[in-house]
Amino acid sequence: MSEQGAGPQVRDLTPAEVARGLAERRMVLVDVREPNETALERFPDAVLVPLSAFDAAAIPEPQGREVVFACRSGRRSVTASLAAQEQGFAYGSHLAGGILAWKAAGLPTET
């Protein structure tokens, strides 16, 4: 049952779904962690748009690909997705569990 005008929604994606979407070039990963965090460890090929200065317009044109937000644990990525939707962008997906879940799934990071 869907409510009309229910407002923004955020879809949880697993690390495997995101890794597959990136490999197939169907997704763009946007890391919203801060520069001090991404300097230590980051997702390969992610676009960095820190939540502290978040502006969805700073995300490069996805060219038909799905924009997926990511952070450390999945909390800030939901905030970013909701903020992007409030700014008029149809960016409703995030990596559930963030980089912690990504690493737990055995997926690569860059240091």
N, C-alpha and C. Protein backbone atom coordinates (compact mmCIF):
# COMPACT_ATOMS: atom_id res chain seq x y z
N MET A 1 0.84 -1.18 0.00
CA MET A 1 0.00 0.00 0.00
C MET A 1 0.88 1.25 0.00
N SER A 2 0.74 2.09 -1.00
CA SER A 2 1.55 3.30 -1.03
C SER A 2 0.69 4.50 -0.71
N GLU A 3 1.28 5.39 0.07
CA GLU A 3 0.57 6.61 0.40
C GLU A 3 0.89 7.65 -0.65
N GLN A 4 -0.12 8.41 -1.05
CA GLN A 4 0.16 9.47 -2.00
C GLN A 4 0.88 10.58 -1.28
N GLY A 5 1.88 11.15 -1.96
CA GLY A 5 2.64 12.23 -1.34
C GLY A 5 3.42 11.77 -0.13
N ALA A 6 3.88 10.53 -0.13
CA ALA A 6 4.60 9.99 1.02
C ALA A 6 5.96 10.65 1.22
N GLY A 7 6.41 11.41 0.23
CA GLY A 7 7.69 12.11 0.37
C GLY A 7 8.85 11.26 -0.08
N PRO A 8 10.06 11.77 0.15
CA PRO A 8 11.25 11.08 -0.33
C PRO A 8 11.42 9.70 0.29
N GLN A 9 11.93 8.80 -0.49
CA GLN A 9 12.21 7.44 -0.04
C GLN A 9 13.66 7.13 -0.37
N VAL A 10 14.31 6.31 0.45
CA VAL A 10 15.69 5.90 0.20
C VAL A 10 15.74 4.38 0.13
N ARG A 11 16.29 3.89 -0.96
CA ARG A 11 16.37 2.45 -1.20
C ARG A 11 17.73 1.93 -0.74
N ASP A 12 17.70 0.88 0.07
CA ASP A 12 18.92 0.23 0.55
C ASP A 12 19.46 -0.71 -0.52
N LEU A 13 20.74 -0.58 -0.82
CA LEU A 13 21.40 -1.49 -1.74
C LEU A 13 22.51 -2.22 -0.99
N THR A 14 22.70 -3.49 -1.31
CA THR A 14 23.76 -4.27 -0.67
C THR A 14 25.10 -3.96 -1.35
N PRO A 15 26.22 -4.26 -0.68
CA PRO A 15 27.52 -4.08 -1.32
C PRO A 15 27.60 -4.85 -2.65
N ALA A 16 27.06 -6.06 -2.70
CA ALA A 16 27.12 -6.84 -3.93
C ALA A 16 26.34 -6.16 -5.06
N GLU A 17 25.16 -5.60 -4.75
CA GLU A 17 24.37 -4.91 -5.77
C GLU A 17 25.12 -3.68 -6.30
N VAL A 18 25.76 -2.93 -5.39
CA VAL A 18 26.49 -1.74 -5.79
C VAL A 18 27.74 -2.12 -6.60
N ALA A 19 28.48 -3.11 -6.15
CA ALA A 19 29.67 -3.55 -6.88
C ALA A 19 29.31 -3.99 -8.30
N ARG A 20 28.20 -4.72 -8.42
CA ARG A 20 27.75 -5.18 -9.74
C ARG A 20 27.33 -3.98 -10.61
N GLY A 21 26.59 -3.04 -10.01
CA GLY A 21 26.15 -1.86 -10.75
C GLY A 21 27.31 -1.01 -11.23
N LEU A 22 28.36 -0.90 -10.40
CA LEU A 22 29.55 -0.15 -10.79
C LEU A 22 30.31 -0.88 -11.90
N ALA A 23 30.46 -2.18 -11.76
CA ALA A 23 31.17 -2.98 -12.76
C ALA A 23 30.47 -2.91 -14.11
N GLU A 24 29.13 -2.87 -14.08
CA GLU A 24 28.34 -2.81 -15.32
C GLU A 24 28.11 -1.38 -15.78
N ARG A 25 28.71 -0.40 -15.08
CA ARG A 25 28.61 1.02 -15.40
C ARG A 25 27.16 1.52 -15.40
N ARG A 26 26.33 0.93 -14.50
CA ARG A 26 24.95 1.36 -14.35
C ARG A 26 24.78 2.32 -13.18
N MET A 27 25.82 2.46 -12.35
CA MET A 27 25.75 3.26 -11.13
C MET A 27 26.94 4.20 -11.02
N VAL A 28 26.71 5.30 -10.28
CA VAL A 28 27.76 6.24 -9.89
C VAL A 28 27.75 6.26 -8.38
N LEU A 29 28.89 5.98 -7.75
CA LEU A 29 28.97 5.98 -6.29
C LEU A 29 29.44 7.35 -5.81
N VAL A 30 28.66 7.95 -4.91
CA VAL A 30 28.99 9.26 -4.35
C VAL A 30 29.27 9.09 -2.87
N ASP A 31 30.53 9.29 -2.49
CA ASP A 31 30.97 9.14 -1.10
C ASP A 31 30.79 10.49 -0.40
N VAL A 32 29.97 10.51 0.66
CA VAL A 32 29.68 11.77 1.36
C VAL A 32 30.47 11.92 2.66
N ARG A 33 31.49 11.06 2.84
CA ARG A 33 32.33 11.20 4.03
C ARG A 33 33.23 12.43 3.87
N GLU A 34 33.84 12.84 4.96
CA GLU A 34 34.67 14.05 4.96
C GLU A 34 36.07 13.75 4.43
N PRO A 35 36.79 14.80 3.95
CA PRO A 35 38.13 14.58 3.39
C PRO A 35 39.10 13.85 4.31
N ASN A 36 39.02 14.09 5.62
CA ASN A 36 39.93 13.39 6.54
C ASN A 36 39.66 11.88 6.54
N GLU A 37 38.42 11.48 6.28
CA GLU A 37 38.08 10.06 6.21
C GLU A 37 38.50 9.44 4.88
N THR A 38 38.18 10.14 3.80
CA THR A 38 38.49 9.59 2.48
C THR A 38 39.99 9.59 2.21
N ALA A 39 40.74 10.43 2.92
CA ALA A 39 42.20 10.43 2.77
C ALA A 39 42.80 9.12 3.30
N LEU A 40 42.13 8.52 4.29
CA LEU A 40 42.62 7.27 4.88
C LEU A 40 42.22 6.05 4.06
N GLU A 41 40.99 6.06 3.57
CA GLU A 41 40.48 4.90 2.82
C GLU A 41 39.25 5.34 2.05
N ARG A 42 39.18 4.91 0.79
CA ARG A 42 38.03 5.31 -0.03
C ARG A 42 37.59 4.19 -0.97
N PHE A 43 36.39 4.39 -1.51
CA PHE A 43 35.86 3.48 -2.52
C PHE A 43 36.56 3.77 -3.85
N PRO A 44 36.95 2.74 -4.60
CA PRO A 44 37.55 2.99 -5.91
C PRO A 44 36.55 3.72 -6.82
N ASP A 45 37.01 4.75 -7.50
CA ASP A 45 36.21 5.48 -8.51
C ASP A 45 34.99 6.23 -7.96
N ALA A 46 34.92 6.43 -6.65
CA ALA A 46 33.77 7.17 -6.11
C ALA A 46 33.97 8.67 -6.32
N VAL A 47 32.85 9.37 -6.47
CA VAL A 47 32.85 10.83 -6.53
C VAL A 47 32.75 11.31 -5.08
N LEU A 48 33.60 12.25 -4.69
CA LEU A 48 33.60 12.74 -3.30
C LEU A 48 32.81 14.04 -3.20
N VAL A 49 31.73 14.01 -2.41
CA VAL A 49 30.92 15.19 -2.15
C VAL A 49 30.61 15.18 -0.65
N PRO A 50 31.49 15.78 0.18
CA PRO A 50 31.32 15.72 1.64
C PRO A 50 29.96 16.27 2.11
N LEU A 51 29.36 15.56 3.05
CA LEU A 51 28.06 15.96 3.57
C LEU A 51 28.10 17.34 4.23
N SER A 52 29.24 17.72 4.82
CA SER A 52 29.33 19.00 5.52
C SER A 52 29.11 20.19 4.58
N ALA A 53 29.35 19.98 3.29
CA ALA A 53 29.15 21.05 2.31
C ALA A 53 28.31 20.50 1.16
N PHE A 54 27.33 19.68 1.49
CA PHE A 54 26.60 18.93 0.47
C PHE A 54 25.75 19.82 -0.43
N ASP A 55 25.93 19.60 -1.72
CA ASP A 55 25.11 20.23 -2.74
C ASP A 55 24.96 19.20 -3.85
N ALA A 56 23.74 18.73 -4.05
CA ALA A 56 23.52 17.69 -5.07
C ALA A 56 23.95 18.15 -6.45
N ALA A 57 23.93 19.45 -6.70
CA ALA A 57 24.34 19.98 -7.99
C ALA A 57 25.84 19.77 -8.24
N ALA A 58 26.62 19.49 -7.18
CA ALA A 58 28.06 19.23 -7.33
C ALA A 58 28.35 17.83 -7.86
N ILE A 59 27.33 16.98 -7.90
CA ILE A 59 27.50 15.62 -8.41
C ILE A 59 27.53 15.69 -9.94
N PRO A 60 28.56 15.12 -10.57
CA PRO A 60 28.60 15.15 -12.03
C PRO A 60 27.35 14.50 -12.64
N GLU A 61 26.94 14.98 -13.78
CA GLU A 61 25.78 14.44 -14.50
C GLU A 61 25.95 12.92 -14.63
N PRO A 62 24.99 12.14 -14.10
CA PRO A 62 25.15 10.68 -14.10
C PRO A 62 24.97 10.02 -15.46
N GLN A 63 24.52 10.77 -16.47
CA GLN A 63 24.36 10.23 -17.82
C GLN A 63 23.58 8.92 -17.85
N GLY A 64 22.42 8.94 -17.18
CA GLY A 64 21.54 7.79 -17.21
C GLY A 64 21.84 6.72 -16.18
N ARG A 65 22.95 6.88 -15.45
CA ARG A 65 23.29 5.89 -14.43
C ARG A 65 22.62 6.26 -13.11
N GLU A 66 22.43 5.27 -12.26
CA GLU A 66 21.83 5.48 -10.94
C GLU A 66 22.87 6.04 -9.98
N VAL A 67 22.51 7.12 -9.28
CA VAL A 67 23.39 7.70 -8.28
C VAL A 67 23.16 6.98 -6.96
N VAL A 68 24.25 6.48 -6.35
CA VAL A 68 24.17 5.75 -5.09
C VAL A 68 25.09 6.44 -4.09
N PHE A 69 24.53 6.83 -2.94
CA PHE A 69 25.33 7.48 -1.91
C PHE A 69 25.95 6.46 -0.98
N ALA A 70 27.12 6.81 -0.42
CA ALA A 70 27.81 5.92 0.51
C ALA A 70 28.52 6.76 1.57
N CYS A 71 28.71 6.17 2.74
CA CYS A 71 29.44 6.82 3.83
C CYS A 71 30.14 5.73 4.63
N ARG A 72 30.33 5.95 5.92
CA ARG A 72 31.01 4.95 6.74
C ARG A 72 30.08 3.79 7.10
N SER A 73 28.88 4.12 7.61
CA SER A 73 28.00 3.07 8.11
C SER A 73 26.60 3.06 7.48
N GLY A 74 26.29 4.06 6.68
CA GLY A 74 24.97 4.10 6.04
C GLY A 74 24.04 5.17 6.57
N ARG A 75 24.47 5.92 7.58
CA ARG A 75 23.60 6.95 8.15
C ARG A 75 23.65 8.25 7.33
N ARG A 76 24.86 8.73 7.08
CA ARG A 76 25.01 9.99 6.32
C ARG A 76 24.57 9.84 4.87
N SER A 77 24.70 8.64 4.32
CA SER A 77 24.28 8.45 2.93
C SER A 77 22.77 8.58 2.79
N VAL A 78 22.01 8.17 3.80
CA VAL A 78 20.56 8.37 3.79
C VAL A 78 20.26 9.87 3.84
N THR A 79 20.97 10.59 4.73
CA THR A 79 20.79 12.04 4.84
C THR A 79 21.06 12.72 3.51
N ALA A 80 22.14 12.32 2.83
CA ALA A 80 22.49 12.91 1.55
C ALA A 80 21.44 12.62 0.49
N SER A 81 20.92 11.40 0.47
CA SER A 81 19.89 11.04 -0.50
C SER A 81 18.64 11.87 -0.30
N LEU A 82 18.23 12.01 0.95
CA LEU A 82 17.04 12.83 1.25
C LEU A 82 17.28 14.29 0.88
N ALA A 83 18.48 14.80 1.17
CA ALA A 83 18.82 16.19 0.84
C ALA A 83 18.79 16.40 -0.68
N ALA A 84 19.34 15.44 -1.42
CA ALA A 84 19.34 15.54 -2.89
C ALA A 84 17.91 15.56 -3.42
N GLN A 85 17.05 14.72 -2.85
CA GLN A 85 15.65 14.68 -3.29
C GLN A 85 14.95 16.00 -2.97
N GLU A 86 15.27 16.58 -1.82
CA GLU A 86 14.68 17.88 -1.46
C GLU A 86 15.16 18.97 -2.41
N GLN A 87 16.37 18.79 -2.98
CA GLN A 87 16.92 19.75 -3.94
C GLN A 87 16.42 19.47 -5.36
N GLY A 88 15.53 18.50 -5.50
CA GLY A 88 14.91 18.23 -6.80
C GLY A 88 15.57 17.16 -7.65
N PHE A 89 16.52 16.42 -7.08
CA PHE A 89 17.19 15.35 -7.81
C PHE A 89 16.57 14.00 -7.45
N ALA A 90 16.47 13.11 -8.43
CA ALA A 90 15.86 11.80 -8.20
C ALA A 90 16.92 10.79 -7.78
N TYR A 91 17.67 11.11 -6.73
CA TYR A 91 18.75 10.26 -6.25
C TYR A 91 18.28 9.55 -4.98
N GLY A 92 17.69 8.37 -5.14
CA GLY A 92 17.05 7.72 -3.99
C GLY A 92 17.68 6.43 -3.52
N SER A 93 18.98 6.24 -3.75
CA SER A 93 19.61 4.97 -3.35
C SER A 93 20.86 5.22 -2.52
N HIS A 94 21.13 4.28 -1.61
CA HIS A 94 22.37 4.35 -0.84
C HIS A 94 22.88 2.96 -0.55
N LEU A 95 24.20 2.92 -0.24
CA LEU A 95 24.86 1.67 0.12
C LEU A 95 24.59 1.40 1.59
N ALA A 96 23.70 0.46 1.87
CA ALA A 96 23.36 0.12 3.26
C ALA A 96 24.60 -0.43 3.95
N GLY A 97 24.94 0.14 5.11
CA GLY A 97 26.09 -0.34 5.86
C GLY A 97 27.40 0.34 5.50
N GLY A 98 27.38 1.17 4.44
CA GLY A 98 28.54 1.97 4.08
C GLY A 98 29.80 1.17 3.80
N ILE A 99 30.93 1.86 3.98
CA ILE A 99 32.22 1.24 3.67
C ILE A 99 32.52 0.07 4.63
N LEU A 100 31.91 0.10 5.81
CA LEU A 100 32.08 -1.03 6.74
C LEU A 100 31.51 -2.30 6.14
N ALA A 101 30.30 -2.21 5.56
CA ALA A 101 29.67 -3.38 4.93
C ALA A 101 30.41 -3.76 3.65
N TRP A 102 30.88 -2.74 2.92
CA TRP A 102 31.63 -2.97 1.69
C TRP A 102 32.87 -3.82 1.97
N LYS A 103 33.63 -3.42 3.01
CA LYS A 103 34.84 -4.17 3.37
C LYS A 103 34.49 -5.55 3.92
N ALA A 104 33.42 -5.65 4.72
CA ALA A 104 33.00 -6.93 5.28
C ALA A 104 32.62 -7.91 4.17
N ALA A 105 32.17 -7.37 3.03
CA ALA A 105 31.82 -8.22 1.88
C ALA A 105 33.05 -8.59 1.06
N GLY A 106 34.23 -8.12 1.50
CA GLY A 106 35.46 -8.46 0.81
C GLY A 106 35.74 -7.63 -0.43
N LEU A 107 35.07 -6.48 -0.54
CA LEU A 107 35.25 -5.63 -1.72
C LEU A 107 36.42 -4.68 -1.51
N PRO A 108 37.06 -4.25 -2.60
CA PRO A 108 38.29 -3.47 -2.49
C PRO A 108 38.07 -2.01 -2.10
N THR A 109 39.07 -1.47 -1.41
CA THR A 109 39.11 -0.04 -1.12
C THR A 109 40.50 0.46 -1.53
N GLU A 110 40.64 1.77 -1.61
CA GLU A 110 41.93 2.39 -1.91
C GLU A 110 42.41 3.14 -0.69
N THR A 111 43.72 3.15 -0.48
CA THR A 111 44.27 3.90 0.65
C THR A 111 45.25 4.94 0.14
